[in-house]
């Protein structure tokens, strides 16, 4: 039996990068997406191909869900439970940017409510449901012959952002959502540690995705000027590899940890 992961926001960008890394490791996947069904289907097909390239066979199913809606979150978990007997990894990756970048003194409530609902409220309550499911199932993945043991430990990952601690006054709602997510990680890490479920925050920096495409020229300049010690854009695969390390159980004595995938942006330099 393959281990199973549920990834939100999996159709494109960072979510797709995470899915491809896990597929290459032989993980079955539940790929949640908000709107782009075609992109989600393409990601699922590419994940199956990546697994086959490594001599593995996996299942990859897609599920539409708007994480801001309680009924969609419930449907997502119900569908995942119908497809797979257990879940070993939840990756809370889905997120939205403000519809309009507005100065802090002009920002409106509609954008604030939408960003917080998708980026903070959705992951909080989805994790609540998934954690209950995890607690209902044995800690170790069943092996051939019905035995247990040897499988990576179960884990929950929240993909946040350097915006969790970096103030952008024209994206206040986004920054607040990511700062709140950092505390959600600590809360679930403390609550689930006794059950052996690790909870981690993967904190990307400037990653080349659809979300950052409109500001490409600006960040090309800033990176060239030394904004990050590693002078390049990050890629979805960079984030995927960090999640893969967690999935493989390579951090067995860590929980509530922040894993920076930011080219060194977080370093304070003189």
Protein backbone atom coordinates (compact mmCIF):
# COMPACT_ATOMS: atom_id res chain seq x y z
CA UNK A 1 0.00 0.00 0.00
CA UNK A 2 1.32 3.44 -0.93
CA UNK A 3 1.25 6.29 1.57
CA UNK A 4 -1.34 8.94 0.72
CA UNK A 5 -1.17 12.74 0.68
CA UNK A 6 -3.86 15.37 0.24
CA UNK A 7 -2.57 18.59 -1.33
CA UNK A 8 -4.68 21.73 -1.66
CA UNK A 9 -4.09 24.19 -4.45
CA UNK A 10 -2.49 21.34 -6.36
CA UNK A 11 -3.32 22.22 -9.95
CA UNK A 12 -0.55 24.78 -10.54
CA UNK A 13 2.47 26.46 -9.07
CA UNK A 14 3.81 25.34 -5.71
CA UNK A 15 1.06 22.76 -5.19
CA UNK A 16 1.88 21.12 -8.50
CA UNK A 17 5.58 21.10 -7.61
CA UNK A 18 4.85 19.37 -4.32
CA UNK A 19 2.60 16.83 -6.01
CA UNK A 20 5.24 15.89 -8.57
CA UNK A 21 7.89 15.38 -5.89
CA UNK A 22 5.63 13.11 -3.84
CA UNK A 23 4.53 11.20 -6.93
CA UNK A 24 8.16 10.46 -7.70
CA UNK A 25 8.44 8.96 -4.21
CA UNK A 26 5.48 6.67 -4.85
CA UNK A 27 2.74 8.49 -2.95
CA UNK A 28 -0.93 8.24 -3.82
CA UNK A 29 -2.42 11.72 -4.13
CA UNK A 30 -5.64 13.62 -3.57
CA UNK A 31 -5.22 16.82 -5.59
CA UNK A 32 -7.62 19.56 -4.52
CA UNK A 33 -8.22 22.53 -6.80
CA UNK A 34 -10.52 25.55 -6.72
CA UNK A 35 -11.46 26.25 -10.35
CA UNK A 36 -9.10 25.00 -13.04
CA UNK A 37 -10.23 21.43 -13.67
CA UNK A 38 -8.09 21.04 -16.77
CA UNK A 39 -4.92 22.07 -14.95
CA UNK A 40 -5.72 19.68 -12.09
CA UNK A 41 -6.25 16.81 -14.53
CA UNK A 42 -2.95 17.61 -16.24
CA UNK A 43 -1.15 17.63 -12.90
CA UNK A 44 -2.67 14.26 -12.01
CA UNK A 45 -1.55 12.78 -15.33
CA UNK A 46 1.94 14.19 -14.93
CA UNK A 47 2.15 12.77 -11.41
CA UNK A 48 1.27 9.29 -12.66
CA UNK A 49 3.90 9.64 -15.37
CA UNK A 50 6.51 10.80 -12.85
CA UNK A 51 5.80 7.78 -10.69
CA UNK A 52 6.03 5.39 -13.65
CA UNK A 53 9.37 6.94 -14.62
CA UNK A 54 10.65 5.76 -11.27
CA UNK A 55 9.16 2.31 -11.65
CA UNK A 56 6.18 3.00 -9.40
CA UNK A 57 2.43 2.98 -9.82
CA UNK A 58 0.30 5.51 -7.96
CA UNK A 59 -3.24 6.80 -7.90
CA UNK A 60 -3.90 10.51 -8.29
CA UNK A 61 -7.47 11.76 -7.94
CA UNK A 62 -8.69 15.33 -8.31
CA UNK A 63 -11.36 17.00 -6.19
CA UNK A 64 -12.82 20.48 -6.67
CA UNK A 65 -13.10 22.46 -3.44
CA UNK A 66 -13.29 26.12 -2.44
CA UNK A 67 -11.61 26.00 0.96
CA UNK A 68 -13.47 29.09 2.11
CA UNK A 69 -16.69 27.04 2.09
CA UNK A 70 -17.40 24.61 4.91
CA UNK A 71 -19.43 22.34 2.65
CA UNK A 72 -16.56 22.10 0.15
CA UNK A 73 -14.09 21.22 2.88
CA UNK A 74 -16.41 18.49 4.11
CA UNK A 75 -16.86 17.15 0.56
CA UNK A 76 -13.09 17.10 0.05
CA UNK A 77 -12.49 15.00 3.15
CA UNK A 78 -15.45 12.73 2.41
CA UNK A 79 -14.17 12.09 -1.11
CA UNK A 80 -10.64 11.45 0.12
CA UNK A 81 -11.92 8.97 2.71
CA UNK A 82 -13.96 7.20 0.04
CA UNK A 83 -10.90 6.84 -2.21
CA UNK A 84 -8.27 5.91 0.39
CA UNK A 85 -8.39 4.07 3.74
CA UNK A 86 -5.99 6.46 5.46
CA UNK A 87 -4.15 9.74 5.06
CA UNK A 88 -0.48 10.10 5.90
CA UNK A 89 0.19 13.70 4.87
CA UNK A 90 -1.89 16.85 4.52
CA UNK A 91 -0.34 19.77 2.66
CA UNK A 92 -2.23 23.01 3.18
CA UNK A 93 -0.92 24.88 0.16
CA UNK A 94 -3.91 26.69 -1.38
CA UNK A 95 -3.87 30.44 -1.07
CA UNK A 96 -5.02 33.56 -2.86
CA UNK A 97 -3.55 37.02 -3.27
CA UNK A 98 -5.60 40.17 -2.81
CA UNK A 99 -7.79 40.93 -5.79
CA UNK A 100 -6.31 44.43 -5.78
CA UNK A 101 -3.12 45.58 -4.10
CA UNK A 102 -4.41 48.48 -2.02
CA UNK A 103 -2.61 50.72 0.43
CA UNK A 104 -3.26 49.82 4.04
CA UNK A 105 -5.31 53.00 4.52
CA UNK A 106 -7.52 52.19 1.52
CA UNK A 107 -7.91 48.40 1.78
CA UNK A 108 -11.48 47.10 1.75
CA UNK A 109 -13.29 44.46 3.75
CA UNK A 110 -14.34 42.33 0.77
CA UNK A 111 -10.75 41.49 -0.15
CA UNK A 112 -9.82 41.04 3.51
CA UNK A 113 -12.63 38.57 4.11
CA UNK A 114 -11.84 36.53 1.00
CA UNK A 115 -8.09 36.32 1.64
CA UNK A 116 -8.54 35.38 5.29
CA UNK A 117 -11.24 32.83 4.46
CA UNK A 118 -9.08 30.96 1.93
CA UNK A 119 -5.62 31.43 3.43
CA UNK A 120 -6.36 31.08 7.15
CA UNK A 121 -9.87 29.92 8.01
CA UNK A 122 -9.93 27.22 5.33
CA UNK A 123 -6.66 25.53 6.32
CA UNK A 124 -7.55 25.73 10.03
CA UNK A 125 -10.84 23.90 9.68
CA UNK A 126 -9.62 21.49 6.99
CA UNK A 127 -6.77 20.49 9.29
CA UNK A 128 -9.24 19.99 12.13
CA UNK A 129 -11.17 17.46 10.03
CA UNK A 130 -8.09 15.71 8.71
CA UNK A 131 -6.50 15.47 12.15
CA UNK A 132 -9.60 13.71 13.45
CA UNK A 133 -9.34 11.25 10.56
CA UNK A 134 -5.66 10.64 11.25
CA UNK A 135 -6.37 9.97 14.91
CA UNK A 136 -8.90 7.30 13.93
CA UNK A 137 -6.34 5.27 11.97
CA UNK A 138 -3.25 3.33 13.08
CA UNK A 139 -0.05 5.35 13.33
CA UNK A 140 1.91 3.05 11.03
CA UNK A 141 1.06 2.30 7.43
CA UNK A 142 0.13 -1.37 6.89
CA UNK A 143 2.83 -3.27 5.03
CA UNK A 144 2.58 -6.37 2.88
CA UNK A 145 1.14 -9.28 4.81
CA UNK A 146 -0.79 -7.07 7.20
CA UNK A 147 2.17 -6.03 9.36
CA UNK A 148 2.78 -2.42 10.30
CA UNK A 149 5.87 -0.31 10.69
CA UNK A 150 8.64 1.17 8.61
CA UNK A 151 6.49 3.86 7.02
CA UNK A 152 7.17 7.60 7.36
CA UNK A 153 5.29 9.21 10.27
CA UNK A 154 2.10 11.10 9.56
CA UNK A 155 2.48 14.84 9.14
CA UNK A 156 0.66 18.05 8.36
CA UNK A 157 2.35 20.83 6.40
CA UNK A 158 1.26 24.44 6.05
CA UNK A 159 2.78 26.34 3.14
CA UNK A 160 3.00 29.93 4.32
CA UNK A 161 5.18 32.76 2.99
CA UNK A 162 7.88 35.22 3.94
CA UNK A 163 4.89 37.56 4.20
CA UNK A 164 4.25 35.92 7.59
CA UNK A 165 6.85 38.33 8.99
CA UNK A 166 7.60 40.79 6.15
CA UNK A 167 5.35 43.85 6.07
CA UNK A 168 3.95 44.78 2.66
CA UNK A 169 1.68 47.76 3.23
CA UNK A 170 -0.16 47.22 -0.06
CA UNK A 171 -0.96 43.58 0.81
CA UNK A 172 -1.93 43.83 4.44
CA UNK A 173 -4.66 41.19 4.26
CA UNK A 174 -2.26 38.67 2.72
CA UNK A 175 0.43 39.33 5.34
CA UNK A 176 -2.08 38.96 8.17
CA UNK A 177 -3.35 35.67 6.75
CA UNK A 178 0.15 34.20 6.59
CA UNK A 179 1.13 35.50 10.04
CA UNK A 180 -2.00 33.84 11.41
CA UNK A 181 -1.08 30.62 9.66
CA UNK A 182 2.25 30.58 11.50
CA UNK A 183 0.37 30.44 14.80
CA UNK A 184 -1.97 27.74 13.48
CA UNK A 185 1.13 25.59 12.90
CA UNK A 186 2.20 26.00 16.53
CA UNK A 187 -1.27 25.22 17.82
CA UNK A 188 -1.70 22.00 15.87
CA UNK A 189 1.90 20.96 16.54
CA UNK A 190 1.27 21.21 20.28
CA UNK A 191 -2.08 19.44 20.06
CA UNK A 192 -1.00 16.54 17.86
CA UNK A 193 2.52 15.84 19.15
CA UNK A 194 1.33 13.19 21.58
CA UNK A 195 -0.19 11.27 18.66
CA UNK A 196 3.09 11.37 16.76
CA UNK A 197 1.75 13.68 14.04
CA UNK A 198 4.35 16.26 13.09
CA UNK A 199 3.20 19.71 12.02
CA UNK A 200 5.45 21.97 9.97
CA UNK A 201 5.48 25.39 8.33
CA UNK A 202 7.22 25.52 4.97
CA UNK A 203 7.88 29.20 4.30
CA UNK A 204 8.64 29.98 0.64
CA UNK A 205 10.23 33.18 -0.52
CA UNK A 206 10.10 34.54 -4.04
CA UNK A 207 8.89 31.60 -6.11
CA UNK A 208 8.25 31.67 -9.86
CA UNK A 209 4.50 31.01 -10.16
CA UNK A 210 1.42 32.57 -11.74
CA UNK A 211 0.95 34.64 -8.57
CA UNK A 212 4.36 36.31 -8.90
CA UNK A 213 4.33 36.67 -12.69
CA UNK A 214 2.92 40.24 -12.63
CA UNK A 215 5.87 41.45 -10.52
CA UNK A 216 8.57 39.50 -12.36
CA UNK A 217 10.54 42.54 -13.53
CA UNK A 218 10.58 44.11 -10.07
CA UNK A 219 11.87 40.97 -8.38
CA UNK A 220 14.38 40.29 -11.15
CA UNK A 221 15.91 43.63 -10.24
CA UNK A 222 15.75 43.12 -6.48
CA UNK A 223 17.25 39.63 -6.66
CA UNK A 224 20.00 40.93 -8.92
CA UNK A 225 20.74 43.63 -6.33
CA UNK A 226 21.14 41.02 -3.59
CA UNK A 227 17.70 40.81 -1.96
CA UNK A 228 18.42 37.11 -1.43
CA UNK A 229 21.91 35.69 -0.79
CA UNK A 230 21.15 32.97 -3.34
CA UNK A 231 20.58 35.20 -6.33
CA UNK A 232 17.87 33.36 -8.20
CA UNK A 233 14.15 32.82 -8.18
CA UNK A 234 12.87 29.86 -6.22
CA UNK A 235 10.92 27.16 -8.05
CA UNK A 236 7.92 25.02 -7.09
CA UNK A 237 10.30 22.04 -7.10
CA UNK A 238 12.40 23.74 -4.38
CA UNK A 239 9.34 23.83 -2.14
CA UNK A 240 8.38 20.31 -3.21
CA UNK A 241 11.72 18.94 -2.04
CA UNK A 242 11.27 20.50 1.39
CA UNK A 243 7.88 18.83 1.72
CA UNK A 244 9.38 15.57 0.45
CA UNK A 245 11.90 15.63 3.31
CA UNK A 246 9.01 15.81 5.77
CA UNK A 247 7.11 13.10 3.91
CA UNK A 248 10.13 10.81 4.10
CA UNK A 249 10.31 11.22 7.87
CA UNK A 250 13.72 12.90 7.79
CA UNK A 251 12.81 15.25 10.67
CA UNK A 252 11.70 12.73 13.31
CA UNK A 253 12.52 14.88 16.34
CA UNK A 254 11.01 18.11 15.03
CA UNK A 255 7.52 19.56 15.09
CA UNK A 256 6.19 23.10 14.90
CA UNK A 257 9.32 23.89 12.91
CA UNK A 258 9.65 26.57 10.23
CA UNK A 259 11.48 25.46 7.09
CA UNK A 260 12.58 28.47 5.09
CA UNK A 261 12.70 27.98 1.31
CA UNK A 262 13.65 31.53 0.46
CA UNK A 263 17.21 31.68 -0.85
CA UNK A 264 18.34 33.08 2.50
CA UNK A 265 15.93 36.05 2.52
CA UNK A 266 15.31 35.52 6.25
CA UNK A 267 18.95 36.18 7.15
CA UNK A 268 19.75 39.50 8.84
CA UNK A 269 22.85 40.86 7.16
CA UNK A 270 25.09 43.87 7.74
